[in-house]
């Protein structure tokens, strides 16, 4: 037979329980560290993507602004050319221009009369 007593079994059981508890605590601590690292990695990835999105938005804004300025300049040039053509036409045929302006004024007054 063995020389073990019930108190020896309870002490060894307590020691095993403490060891298991210590192992569990170390595993939980390791898991917390791993989760913290995953969170930091996700923050880094999200920050990088946010920076990429921000730079793309600024590039798109600049492109749209440049395109708008080009269209505005083209519209100004076209309006200037049209104005020159109308001025030349009025100089070439002043009586006809005055009669057309009077007719347009008359129609406008008739359409929007209260």
PDB file of N, CA and C in Angstrom:
ATOM      1  N   UNK A   1       0.796  -1.172   0.000  1.00  0.00           N
ATOM      2  CA  UNK A   1       0.000   0.000   0.000  1.00  0.00           C
ATOM      3  C   UNK A   1       0.846   1.246   0.000  1.00  0.00           C
ATOM      4  N   UNK A   2       0.171   2.307  -0.230  1.00  0.00           N
ATOM      5  CA  UNK A   2       0.930   3.550  -0.293  1.00  0.00           C
ATOM      6  C   UNK A   2       0.797   4.276   1.021  1.00  0.00           C
ATOM      7  N   UNK A   3       1.713   5.174   1.213  1.00  0.00           N
ATOM      8  CA  UNK A   3       1.725   5.911   2.474  1.00  0.00           C
ATOM      9  C   UNK A   3       0.996   7.241   2.354  1.00  0.00           C
ATOM     10  N   UNK A   4       0.087   7.414   1.410  1.00  0.00           N
ATOM     11  CA  UNK A   4      -0.634   8.662   1.196  1.00  0.00           C
ATOM     12  C   UNK A   4      -1.786   8.765   2.165  1.00  0.00           C
ATOM     13  N   UNK A   5      -2.014   9.948   2.622  1.00  0.00           N
ATOM     14  CA  UNK A   5      -3.143  10.207   3.514  1.00  0.00           C
ATOM     15  C   UNK A   5      -4.128  11.100   2.782  1.00  0.00           C
ATOM     16  N   UNK A   6      -5.360  11.166   3.276  1.00  0.00           N
ATOM     17  CA  UNK A   6      -6.340  12.038   2.623  1.00  0.00           C
ATOM     18  C   UNK A   6      -5.889  13.493   2.569  1.00  0.00           C
ATOM     19  N   UNK A   7      -5.145  13.946   3.528  1.00  0.00           N
ATOM     20  CA  UNK A   7      -4.703  15.339   3.495  1.00  0.00           C
ATOM     21  C   UNK A   7      -3.687  15.557   2.384  1.00  0.00           C
ATOM     22  N   UNK A   8      -2.892  14.498   2.062  1.00  0.00           N
ATOM     23  CA  UNK A   8      -1.951  14.601   0.949  1.00  0.00           C
ATOM     24  C   UNK A   8      -2.696  14.786  -0.371  1.00  0.00           C
ATOM     25  N   UNK A   9      -3.811  14.033  -0.519  1.00  0.00           N
ATOM     26  CA  UNK A   9      -4.611  14.149  -1.748  1.00  0.00           C
ATOM     27  C   UNK A   9      -5.242  15.538  -1.853  1.00  0.00           C
ATOM     28  N   UNK A  10      -5.716  16.071  -0.761  1.00  0.00           N
ATOM     29  CA  UNK A  10      -6.354  17.385  -0.818  1.00  0.00           C
ATOM     30  C   UNK A  10      -5.316  18.473  -1.104  1.00  0.00           C
ATOM     31  N   UNK A  11      -4.124  18.321  -0.576  1.00  0.00           N
ATOM     32  CA  UNK A  11      -3.082  19.302  -0.836  1.00  0.00           C
ATOM     33  C   UNK A  11      -2.625  19.225  -2.300  1.00  0.00           C
ATOM     34  N   UNK A  12      -2.479  17.995  -2.805  1.00  0.00           N
ATOM     35  CA  UNK A  12      -2.061  17.868  -4.197  1.00  0.00           C
ATOM     36  C   UNK A  12      -3.177  18.353  -5.131  1.00  0.00           C
ATOM     37  N   UNK A  13      -4.437  18.147  -4.751  1.00  0.00           N
ATOM     38  CA  UNK A  13      -5.569  18.647  -5.548  1.00  0.00           C
ATOM     39  C   UNK A  13      -5.596  20.159  -5.562  1.00  0.00           C
ATOM     40  N   UNK A  14      -5.308  20.747  -4.378  1.00  0.00           N
ATOM     41  CA  UNK A  14      -5.264  22.209  -4.302  1.00  0.00           C
ATOM     42  C   UNK A  14      -4.112  22.753  -5.146  1.00  0.00           C
ATOM     43  N   UNK A  15      -2.986  22.053  -5.120  1.00  0.00           N
ATOM     44  CA  UNK A  15      -1.834  22.498  -5.896  1.00  0.00           C
ATOM     45  C   UNK A  15      -2.132  22.432  -7.387  1.00  0.00           C
ATOM     46  N   UNK A  16      -2.795  21.354  -7.795  1.00  0.00           N
ATOM     47  CA  UNK A  16      -3.172  21.230  -9.205  1.00  0.00           C
ATOM     48  C   UNK A  16      -4.183  22.296  -9.596  1.00  0.00           C
ATOM     49  N   UNK A  17      -5.116  22.574  -8.692  1.00  0.00           N
ATOM     50  CA  UNK A  17      -6.119  23.602  -8.958  1.00  0.00           C
ATOM     51  C   UNK A  17      -5.453  24.968  -9.089  1.00  0.00           C
ATOM     52  N   UNK A  18      -4.478  25.264  -8.204  1.00  0.00           N
ATOM     53  CA  UNK A  18      -3.763  26.536  -8.287  1.00  0.00           C
ATOM     54  C   UNK A  18      -2.955  26.616  -9.579  1.00  0.00           C
ATOM     55  N   UNK A  19      -2.354  25.499  -9.957  1.00  0.00           N
ATOM     56  CA  UNK A  19      -1.580  25.468 -11.199  1.00  0.00           C
ATOM     57  C   UNK A  19      -2.500  25.693 -12.391  1.00  0.00           C
ATOM     58  N   UNK A  20      -3.655  25.012 -12.393  1.00  0.00           N
ATOM     59  CA  UNK A  20      -4.609  25.182 -13.489  1.00  0.00           C
ATOM     60  C   UNK A  20      -5.127  26.617 -13.522  1.00  0.00           C
ATOM     61  N   UNK A  21      -5.370  27.184 -12.351  1.00  0.00           N
ATOM     62  CA  UNK A  21      -5.844  28.572 -12.280  1.00  0.00           C
ATOM     63  C   UNK A  21      -4.776  29.527 -12.809  1.00  0.00           C
ATOM     64  N   UNK A  22      -3.520  29.256 -12.447  1.00  0.00           N
ATOM     65  CA  UNK A  22      -2.413  30.077 -12.937  1.00  0.00           C
ATOM     66  C   UNK A  22      -2.276  29.950 -14.450  1.00  0.00           C
ATOM     67  N   UNK A  23      -2.410  28.720 -14.971  1.00  0.00           N
ATOM     68  CA  UNK A  23      -2.350  28.522 -16.420  1.00  0.00           C
ATOM     69  C   UNK A  23      -3.478  29.272 -17.113  1.00  0.00           C
ATOM     70  N   UNK A  24      -4.660  29.199 -16.540  1.00  0.00           N
ATOM     71  CA  UNK A  24      -5.820  29.876 -17.109  1.00  0.00           C
ATOM     72  C   UNK A  24      -5.602  31.385 -17.112  1.00  0.00           C
ATOM     73  N   UNK A  25      -5.098  31.910 -16.016  1.00  0.00           N
ATOM     74  CA  UNK A  25      -4.845  33.351 -15.941  1.00  0.00           C
ATOM     75  C   UNK A  25      -3.795  33.781 -16.966  1.00  0.00           C
ATOM     76  N   UNK A  26      -2.763  32.960 -17.133  1.00  0.00           N
ATOM     77  CA  UNK A  26      -1.738  33.316 -18.121  1.00  0.00           C
ATOM     78  C   UNK A  26      -2.300  33.242 -19.543  1.00  0.00           C
ATOM     79  N   UNK A  27      -3.175  32.269 -19.779  1.00  0.00           N
ATOM     80  CA  UNK A  27      -3.800  32.167 -21.099  1.00  0.00           C
ATOM     81  C   UNK A  27      -4.719  33.361 -21.358  1.00  0.00           C
ATOM     82  N   UNK A  28      -5.459  33.780 -20.342  1.00  0.00           N
ATOM     83  CA  UNK A  28      -6.335  34.950 -20.476  1.00  0.00           C
ATOM     84  C   UNK A  28      -5.494  36.201 -20.728  1.00  0.00           C
ATOM     85  N   UNK A  29      -4.380  36.332 -20.010  1.00  0.00           N
ATOM     86  CA  UNK A  29      -3.501  37.487 -20.217  1.00  0.00           C
ATOM     87  C   UNK A  29      -2.946  37.491 -21.631  1.00  0.00           C
ATOM     88  N   UNK A  30      -2.524  36.316 -22.115  1.00  0.00           N
ATOM     89  CA  UNK A  30      -2.015  36.198 -23.484  1.00  0.00           C
ATOM     90  C   UNK A  30      -3.107  36.541 -24.493  1.00  0.00           C
ATOM     91  N   UNK A  31      -4.320  36.079 -24.225  1.00  0.00           N
ATOM     92  CA  UNK A  31      -5.448  36.373 -25.114  1.00  0.00           C
ATOM     93  C   UNK A  31      -5.724  37.873 -25.147  1.00  0.00           C
ATOM     94  N   UNK A  32      -5.644  38.526 -23.986  1.00  0.00           N
ATOM     95  CA  UNK A  32      -5.846  39.978 -23.942  1.00  0.00           C
ATOM     96  C   UNK A  32      -4.780  40.702 -24.768  1.00  0.00           C
ATOM     97  N   UNK A  33      -3.536  40.246 -24.664  1.00  0.00           N
ATOM     98  CA  UNK A  33      -2.462  40.848 -25.453  1.00  0.00           C
ATOM     99  C   UNK A  33      -2.718  40.653 -26.945  1.00  0.00           C
ATOM    100  N   UNK A  34      -3.143  39.447 -27.314  1.00  0.00           N
ATOM    101  CA  UNK A  34      -3.432  39.174 -28.729  1.00  0.00           C
ATOM    102  C   UNK A  34      -4.567  40.046 -29.241  1.00  0.00           C
ATOM    103  N   UNK A  35      -5.614  40.186 -28.435  1.00  0.00           N
ATOM    104  CA  UNK A  35      -6.755  41.027 -28.836  1.00  0.00           C
ATOM    105  C   UNK A  35      -6.310  42.481 -28.958  1.00  0.00           C
ATOM    106  N   UNK A  36      -5.476  42.932 -28.043  1.00  0.00           N
ATOM    107  CA  UNK A  36      -4.976  44.312 -28.108  1.00  0.00           C
ATOM    108  C   UNK A  36      -4.160  44.522 -29.378  1.00  0.00           C
ATOM    109  N   UNK A  37      -3.341  43.541 -29.748  1.00  0.00           N
ATOM    110  CA  UNK A  37      -2.561  43.646 -30.978  1.00  0.00           C
ATOM    111  C   UNK A  37      -3.468  43.667 -32.207  1.00  0.00           C
ATOM    112  N   UNK A  38      -4.518  42.843 -32.192  1.00  0.00           N
ATOM    113  CA  UNK A  38      -5.469  42.831 -33.310  1.00  0.00           C
ATOM    114  C   UNK A  38      -6.165  44.185 -33.420  1.00  0.00           C
ATOM    115  N   UNK A  39      -6.553  44.755 -32.290  1.00  0.00           N
ATOM    116  CA  UNK A  39      -7.208  46.068 -32.287  1.00  0.00           C
ATOM    117  C   UNK A  39      -6.271  47.130 -32.853  1.00  0.00           C
ATOM    118  N   UNK A  40      -5.013  47.120 -32.441  1.00  0.00           N
ATOM    119  CA  UNK A  40      -4.050  48.090 -32.951  1.00  0.00           C
ATOM    120  C   UNK A  40      -3.846  47.917 -34.461  1.00  0.00           C
ATOM    121  N   UNK A  41      -3.776  46.667 -34.912  1.00  0.00           N
ATOM    122  CA  UNK A  41      -3.627  46.407 -36.344  1.00  0.00           C
ATOM    123  C   UNK A  41      -4.827  46.938 -37.117  1.00  0.00           C
ATOM    124  N   UNK A  42      -6.018  46.693 -36.581  1.00  0.00           N
ATOM    125  CA  UNK A  42      -7.229  47.183 -37.246  1.00  0.00           C
ATOM    126  C   UNK A  42      -7.264  48.708 -37.272  1.00  0.00           C
ATOM    127  N   UNK A  43      -6.824  49.332 -36.182  1.00  0.00           N
ATOM    128  CA  UNK A  43      -6.769  50.797 -36.162  1.00  0.00           C
ATOM    129  C   UNK A  43      -5.813  51.313 -37.229  1.00  0.00           C
ATOM    130  N   UNK A  44      -4.672  50.659 -37.356  1.00  0.00           N
ATOM    131  CA  UNK A  44      -3.681  51.069 -38.355  1.00  0.00           C
ATOM    132  C   UNK A  44      -4.244  50.923 -39.764  1.00  0.00           C
ATOM    133  N   UNK A  45      -4.892  49.794 -40.019  1.00  0.00           N
ATOM    134  CA  UNK A  45      -5.478  49.560 -41.346  1.00  0.00           C
ATOM    135  C   UNK A  45      -6.563  50.587 -41.630  1.00  0.00           C
ATOM    136  N   UNK A  46      -7.435  50.821 -40.641  1.00  0.00           N
ATOM    137  CA  UNK A  46      -8.524  51.790 -40.833  1.00  0.00           C
ATOM    138  C   UNK A  46      -7.965  53.191 -41.058  1.00  0.00           C
ATOM    139  N   UNK A  47      -6.925  53.543 -40.311  1.00  0.00           N
ATOM    140  CA  UNK A  47      -6.301  54.858 -40.498  1.00  0.00           C
ATOM    141  C   UNK A  47      -5.705  55.003 -41.883  1.00  0.00           C
ATOM    142  N   UNK A  48      -5.058  53.945 -42.355  1.00  0.00           N
ATOM    143  CA  UNK A  48      -4.486  53.980 -43.702  1.00  0.00           C
ATOM    144  C   UNK A  48      -5.548  54.119 -44.766  1.00  0.00           C
ATOM    145  N   UNK A  49      -6.621  53.385 -44.592  1.00  0.00           N
ATOM    146  CA  UNK A  49      -7.715  53.478 -45.575  1.00  0.00           C
ATOM    147  C   UNK A  49      -8.379  54.843 -45.519  1.00  0.00           C
ATOM    148  N   UNK A  50      -8.510  55.393 -44.324  1.00  0.00           N
ATOM    149  CA  UNK A  50      -9.099  56.734 -44.201  1.00  0.00           C
ATOM    150  C   UNK A  50      -8.210  57.761 -44.894  1.00  0.00           C
ATOM    151  N   UNK A  51      -6.897  57.624 -44.721  1.00  0.00           N
ATOM    152  CA  UNK A  51      -5.974  58.547 -45.394  1.00  0.00           C
ATOM    153  C   UNK A  51      -6.069  58.402 -46.909  1.00  0.00           C
ATOM    154  N   UNK A  52      -6.168  57.160 -47.392  1.00  0.00           N
ATOM    155  CA  UNK A  52      -6.319  56.926 -48.828  1.00  0.00           C
ATOM    156  C   UNK A  52      -7.612  57.554 -49.342  1.00  0.00           C
ATOM    157  N   UNK A  53      -8.699  57.343 -48.607  1.00  0.00           N
ATOM    158  CA  UNK A  53      -9.991  57.907 -49.027  1.00  0.00           C
ATOM    159  C   UNK A  53      -9.932  59.427 -49.025  1.00  0.00           C
ATOM    160  N   UNK A  54      -9.285  59.999 -48.019  1.00  0.00           N
ATOM    161  CA  UNK A  54      -9.168  61.455 -47.931  1.00  0.00           C
ATOM    162  C   UNK A  54      -8.370  61.998 -49.108  1.00  0.00           C
ATOM    163  N   UNK A  55      -7.254  61.344 -49.429  1.00  0.00           N
ATOM    164  CA  UNK A  55      -6.440  61.832 -50.544  1.00  0.00           C
ATOM    165  C   UNK A  55      -7.176  61.672 -51.876  1.00  0.00           C
ATOM    166  N   UNK A  56      -7.952  60.593 -52.031  1.00  0.00           N
ATOM    167  CA  UNK A  56      -8.744  60.422 -53.251  1.00  0.00           C
ATOM    168  C   UNK A  56      -9.822  61.494 -53.345  1.00  0.00           C
ATOM    169  N   UNK A  57     -10.440  61.813 -52.209  1.00  0.00           N
ATOM    170  CA  UNK A  57     -11.475  62.849 -52.212  1.00  0.00           C
ATOM    171  C   UNK A  57     -10.877  64.204 -52.586  1.00  0.00           C
ATOM    172  N   UNK A  58      -9.690  64.519 -52.042  1.00  0.00           N
ATOM    173  CA  UNK A  58      -9.056  65.791 -52.383  1.00  0.00           C
ATOM    174  C   UNK A  58      -8.672  65.829 -53.860  1.00  0.00           C
ATOM    175  N   UNK A  59      -8.176  64.713 -54.372  1.00  0.00           N
ATOM    176  CA  UNK A  59      -7.809  64.660 -55.793  1.00  0.00           C
ATOM    177  C   UNK A  59      -9.041  64.848 -56.669  1.00  0.00           C
ATOM    178  N   UNK A  60     -10.144  64.198 -56.299  1.00  0.00           N
ATOM    179  CA  UNK A  60     -11.389  64.342 -57.054  1.00  0.00           C
ATOM    180  C   UNK A  60     -11.901  65.771 -56.979  1.00  0.00           C
ATOM    181  N   UNK A  61     -11.819  66.373 -55.790  1.00  0.00           N
ATOM    182  CA  UNK A  61     -12.246  67.768 -55.631  1.00  0.00           C
ATOM    183  C   UNK A  61     -11.437  68.680 -56.541  1.00  0.00           C
ATOM    184  N   UNK A  62     -10.120  68.483 -56.569  1.00  0.00           N
ATOM    185  CA  UNK A  62      -9.267  69.315 -57.416  1.00  0.00           C
ATOM    186  C   UNK A  62      -9.592  69.124 -58.889  1.00  0.00           C
ATOM    187  N   UNK A  63      -9.826  67.872 -59.272  1.00  0.00           N
ATOM    188  CA  UNK A  63     -10.155  67.585 -60.668  1.00  0.00           C
ATOM    189  C   UNK A  63     -11.479  68.242 -61.064  1.00  0.00           C
ATOM    190  N   UNK A  64     -12.477  68.138 -60.204  1.00  0.00           N
ATOM    191  CA  UNK A  64     -13.790  68.737 -60.493  1.00  0.00           C
ATOM    192  C   UNK A  64     -13.672  70.256 -60.560  1.00  0.00           C
ATOM    193  N   UNK A  65     -12.893  70.837 -59.637  1.00  0.00           N
ATOM    194  CA  UNK A  65     -12.706  72.294 -59.651  1.00  0.00           C
ATOM    195  C   UNK A  65     -12.026  72.740 -60.937  1.00  0.00           C
ATOM    196  N   UNK A  66     -10.977  72.018 -61.346  1.00  0.00           N
ATOM    197  CA  UNK A  66     -10.273  72.376 -62.578  1.00  0.00           C
ATOM    198  C   UNK A  66     -11.186  72.252 -63.791  1.00  0.00           C
ATOM    199  N   UNK A  67     -11.968  71.173 -63.833  1.00  0.00           N
ATOM    200  CA  UNK A  67     -12.892  70.977 -64.954  1.00  0.00           C
ATOM    201  C   UNK A  67     -13.948  72.086 -64.968  1.00  0.00           C
ATOM    202  N   UNK A  68     -14.456  72.446 -63.803  1.00  0.00           N
ATOM    203  CA  UNK A  68     -15.441  73.527 -63.713  1.00  0.00           C
ATOM    204  C   UNK A  68     -14.870  74.851 -64.184  1.00  0.00           C
ATOM    205  N   UNK A  69     -13.625  75.134 -63.793  1.00  0.00           N
ATOM    206  CA  UNK A  69     -12.985  76.373 -64.244  1.00  0.00           C
ATOM    207  C   UNK A  69     -12.793  76.384 -65.754  1.00  0.00           C
ATOM    208  N   UNK A  70     -12.430  75.219 -66.318  1.00  0.00           N
ATOM    209  CA  UNK A  70     -12.275  75.127 -67.790  1.00  0.00           C
ATOM    210  C   UNK A  70     -13.604  75.405 -68.481  1.00  0.00           C
ATOM    211  N   UNK A  71     -14.685  74.772 -67.985  1.00  0.00           N
ATOM    212  CA  UNK A  71     -16.003  74.979 -68.590  1.00  0.00           C
ATOM    213  C   UNK A  71     -16.447  76.432 -68.448  1.00  0.00           C
ATOM    214  N   UNK A  72     -16.143  77.048 -67.304  1.00  0.00           N
ATOM    215  CA  UNK A  72     -16.509  78.444 -67.095  1.00  0.00           C
ATOM    216  C   UNK A  72     -15.779  79.347 -68.082  1.00  0.00           C
ATOM    217  N   UNK A  73     -14.476  79.083 -68.281  1.00  0.00           N
ATOM    218  CA  UNK A  73     -13.716  79.886 -69.258  1.00  0.00           C
ATOM    219  C   UNK A  73     -14.262  79.696 -70.666  1.00  0.00           C
ATOM    220  N   UNK A  74     -14.614  78.454 -71.013  1.00  0.00           N
ATOM    221  CA  UNK A  74     -15.183  78.199 -72.338  1.00  0.00           C
ATOM    222  C   UNK A  74     -16.509  78.926 -72.499  1.00  0.00           C
ATOM    223  N   UNK A  75     -17.329  78.928 -71.444  1.00  0.00           N
ATOM    224  CA  UNK A  75     -18.615  79.622 -71.512  1.00  0.00           C
ATOM    225  C   UNK A  75     -18.401  81.122 -71.664  1.00  0.00           C
ATOM    226  N   UNK A  76     -17.416  81.662 -70.952  1.00  0.00           N
ATOM    227  CA  UNK A  76     -17.119  83.086 -71.077  1.00  0.00           C
ATOM    228  C   UNK A  76     -16.665  83.418 -72.499  1.00  0.00           C
ATOM    229  N   UNK A  77     -15.813  82.578 -73.052  1.00  0.00           N
ATOM    230  CA  UNK A  77     -15.339  82.812 -74.423  1.00  0.00           C
ATOM    231  C   UNK A  77     -16.487  82.746 -75.412  1.00  0.00           C
ATOM    232  N   UNK A  78     -17.363  81.753 -75.256  1.00  0.00           N
ATOM    233  CA  UNK A  78     -18.506  81.610 -76.161  1.00  0.00           C
ATOM    234  C   UNK A  78     -19.448  82.802 -76.039  1.00  0.00           C
ATOM    235  N   UNK A  79     -19.696  83.235 -74.796  1.00  0.00           N
ATOM    236  CA  UNK A  79     -20.566  84.400 -74.590  1.00  0.00           C
ATOM    237  C   UNK A  79     -19.935  85.649 -75.208  1.00  0.00           C
ATOM    238  N   UNK A  80     -18.630  85.777 -75.064  1.00  0.00           N
ATOM    239  CA  UNK A  80     -17.931  86.927 -75.659  1.00  0.00           C
ATOM    240  C   UNK A  80     -18.037  86.915 -77.171  1.00  0.00           C
ATOM    241  N   UNK A  81     -17.862  85.743 -77.775  1.00  0.00           N
ATOM    242  CA  UNK A  81     -17.986  85.624 -79.227  1.00  0.00           C
ATOM    243  C   UNK A  81     -19.406  85.952 -79.681  1.00  0.00           C
ATOM    244  N   UNK A  82     -20.407  85.459 -78.937  1.00  0.00           N
ATOM    245  CA  UNK A  82     -21.802  85.735 -79.280  1.00  0.00           C
ATOM    246  C   UNK A  82     -22.086  87.235 -79.179  1.00  0.00           C
ATOM    247  N   UNK A  83     -21.558  87.865 -78.140  1.00  0.00           N
ATOM    248  CA  UNK A  83     -21.746  89.301 -77.964  1.00  0.00           C
ATOM    249  C   UNK A  83     -21.137  90.073 -79.134  1.00  0.00           C
ATOM    250  N   UNK A  84     -19.950  89.648 -79.567  1.00  0.00           N
ATOM    251  CA  UNK A  84     -19.313  90.306 -80.705  1.00  0.00           C
ATOM    252  C   UNK A  84     -20.152  90.146 -81.967  1.00  0.00           C
ATOM    253  N   UNK A  85     -20.695  88.939 -82.178  1.00  0.00           N
ATOM    254  CA  UNK A  85     -21.522  88.699 -83.358  1.00  0.00           C
ATOM    255  C   UNK A  85     -22.776  89.563 -83.335  1.00  0.00           C
ATOM    256  N   UNK A  86     -23.410  89.659 -82.166  1.00  0.00           N
ATOM    257  CA  UNK A  86     -24.619  90.480 -82.053  1.00  0.00           C
ATOM    258  C   UNK A  86     -24.272  91.949 -82.290  1.00  0.00           C
ATOM    259  N   UNK A  87     -23.170  92.409 -81.720  1.00  0.00           N
ATOM    260  CA  UNK A  87     -22.759  93.809 -81.912  1.00  0.00           C
ATOM    261  C   UNK A  87     -22.498  94.107 -83.390  1.00  0.00           C
ATOM    262  N   UNK A  88     -21.834  93.195 -84.069  1.00  0.00           N
ATOM    263  CA  UNK A  88     -21.574  93.383 -85.503  1.00  0.00           C
ATOM    264  C   UNK A  88     -22.885  93.430 -86.277  1.00  0.00           C
ATOM    265  N   UNK A  89     -23.809  92.580 -85.920  1.00  0.00           N
ATOM    266  CA  UNK A  89     -25.112  92.516 -86.600  1.00  0.00           C
ATOM    267  C   UNK A  89     -25.897  93.813 -86.399  1.00  0.00           C
ATOM    268  N   UNK A  90     -25.860  94.329 -85.146  1.00  0.00           N
ATOM    269  CA  UNK A  90     -26.561  95.586 -84.848  1.00  0.00           C
ATOM    270  C   UNK A  90     -25.933  96.738 -85.621  1.00  0.00           C
ATOM    271  N   UNK A  91     -24.605  96.762 -85.714  1.00  0.00           N
ATOM    272  CA  UNK A  91     -23.936  97.821 -86.466  1.00  0.00           C
ATOM    273  C   UNK A  91     -24.250  97.727 -87.962  1.00  0.00           C
ATOM    274  N   UNK A  92     -24.372  96.504 -88.454  1.00  0.00           N
ATOM    275  CA  UNK A  92     -24.633  96.308 -89.886  1.00  0.00           C
ATOM    276  C   UNK A  92     -26.062  96.689 -90.234  1.00  0.00           C
ATOM    277  N   UNK A  93     -27.007  96.377 -89.360  1.00  0.00           N
ATOM    278  CA  UNK A  93     -28.419  96.639 -89.652  1.00  0.00           C
ATOM    279  C   UNK A  93     -29.100  97.248 -88.430  1.00  0.00           C
ATOM    280  N   UNK A  94     -28.855  98.537 -88.162  1.00  0.00           N
ATOM    281  CA  UNK A  94     -29.382  99.154 -86.940  1.00  0.00           C
ATOM    282  C   UNK A  94     -30.912  99.279 -86.925  1.00  0.00           C
ATOM    283  N   UNK A  95     -31.537  99.585 -88.039  1.00  0.00           N
ATOM    284  CA  UNK A  95     -32.994  99.761 -88.063  1.00  0.00           C
ATOM    285  C   UNK A  95     -33.670  98.426 -87.814  1.00  0.00           C
ATOM    286  N   UNK A  96     -33.197  97.411 -88.467  1.00  0.00           N
ATOM    287  CA  UNK A  96     -33.773  96.073 -88.287  1.00  0.00           C
ATOM    288  C   UNK A  96     -33.604  95.625 -86.822  1.00  0.00           C
ATOM    289  N   UNK A  97     -32.483  95.920 -86.216  1.00  0.00           N
ATOM    290  CA  UNK A  97     -32.222  95.534 -84.832  1.00  0.00           C
ATOM    291  C   UNK A  97     -33.172  96.240 -83.879  1.00  0.00           C
ATOM    292  N   UNK A  98     -33.403  97.530 -84.129  1.00  0.00           N
ATOM    293  CA  UNK A  98     -34.315  98.287 -83.265  1.00  0.00           C
ATOM    294  C   UNK A  98     -35.733  97.737 -83.400  1.00  0.00           C
ATOM    295  N   UNK A  99     -36.161  97.408 -84.616  1.00  0.00           N
ATOM    296  CA  UNK A  99     -37.499  96.850 -84.823  1.00  0.00           C
ATOM    297  C   UNK A  99     -37.640  95.486 -84.145  1.00  0.00           C
ATOM    298  N   UNK A 100     -36.632  94.654 -84.234  1.00  0.00           N
ATOM    299  CA  UNK A 100     -36.670  93.342 -83.574  1.00  0.00           C
ATOM    300  C   UNK A 100     -36.731  93.525 -82.060  1.00  0.00           C
ATOM    301  N   UNK A 101     -35.946  94.443 -81.515  1.00  0.00           N
ATOM    302  CA  UNK A 101     -35.954  94.689 -80.074  1.00  0.00           C
ATOM    303  C   UNK A 101     -37.314  95.198 -79.625  1.00  0.00           C
ATOM    304  N   UNK A 102     -37.927  96.059 -80.423  1.00  0.00           N
ATOM    305  CA  UNK A 102     -39.252  96.584 -80.076  1.00  0.00           C
ATOM    306  C   UNK A 102     -40.289  95.463 -80.114  1.00  0.00           C
ATOM    307  N   UNK A 103     -40.209  94.579 -81.101  1.00  0.00           N
ATOM    308  CA  UNK A 103     -41.159  93.468 -81.192  1.00  0.00           C
ATOM    309  C   UNK A 103     -40.998  92.513 -80.011  1.00  0.00           C
ATOM    310  N   UNK A 104     -39.785  92.234 -79.641  1.00  0.00           N
ATOM    311  CA  UNK A 104     -39.547  91.349 -78.488  1.00  0.00           C
ATOM    312  C   UNK A 104     -40.067  92.007 -77.216  1.00  0.00           C
ATOM    313  N   UNK A 105     -39.840  93.274 -77.043  1.00  0.00           N
ATOM    314  CA  UNK A 105     -40.345  94.003 -75.877  1.00  0.00           C
ATOM    315  C   UNK A 105     -41.859  93.985 -75.826  1.00  0.00           C
ATOM    316  N   UNK A 106     -42.506  94.181 -76.963  1.00  0.00           N
ATOM    317  CA  UNK A 106     -43.969  94.156 -77.025  1.00  0.00           C
ATOM    318  C   UNK A 106     -44.503  92.774 -76.625  1.00  0.00           C
ATOM    319  N   UNK A 107     -43.919  91.715 -77.207  1.00  0.00           N
ATOM    320  CA  UNK A 107     -44.357  90.346 -76.867  1.00  0.00           C
ATOM    321  C   UNK A 107     -44.134  90.047 -75.388  1.00  0.00           C
ATOM    322  N   UNK A 108     -43.030  90.481 -74.875  1.00  0.00           N
ATOM    323  CA  UNK A 108     -42.735  90.251 -73.457  1.00  0.00           C
ATOM    324  C   UNK A 108     -43.777  90.951 -72.585  1.00  0.00           C
ATOM    325  N   UNK A 109     -44.105  92.182 -72.923  1.00  0.00           N
ATOM    326  CA  UNK A 109     -45.095  92.941 -72.158  1.00  0.00           C
ATOM    327  C   UNK A 109     -46.469  92.281 -72.238  1.00  0.00           C
ATOM    328  N   UNK A 110     -46.848  91.765 -73.388  1.00  0.00           N
ATOM    329  CA  UNK A 110     -48.151  91.100 -73.554  1.00  0.00           C
ATOM    330  C   UNK A 110     -48.216  89.791 -72.773  1.00  0.00           C
ATOM    331  N   UNK A 111     -47.124  89.050 -72.782  1.00  0.00           N
ATOM    332  CA  UNK A 111     -47.115  87.744 -72.090  1.00  0.00           C
ATOM    333  C   UNK A 111     -47.150  87.885 -70.572  1.00  0.00           C
ATOM    334  N   UNK A 112     -46.480  88.896 -70.054  1.00  0.00           N
ATOM    335  CA  UNK A 112     -46.351  89.011 -68.604  1.00  0.00           C
ATOM    336  C   UNK A 112     -47.154  90.177 -68.034  1.00  0.00           C
ATOM    337  N   UNK A 113     -48.173  90.602 -68.752  1.00  0.00           N
ATOM    338  CA  UNK A 113     -49.036  91.679 -68.278  1.00  0.00           C
ATOM    339  C   UNK A 113     -49.937  91.154 -67.161  1.00  0.00           C
ATOM    340  N   UNK A 114     -50.105  91.901 -66.132  1.00  0.00           N
ATOM    341  CA  UNK A 114     -50.938  91.492 -65.006  1.00  0.00           C
ATOM    342  C   UNK A 114     -52.363  91.536 -65.353  1.00  0.00           C
TER     343      UNK A 114
END
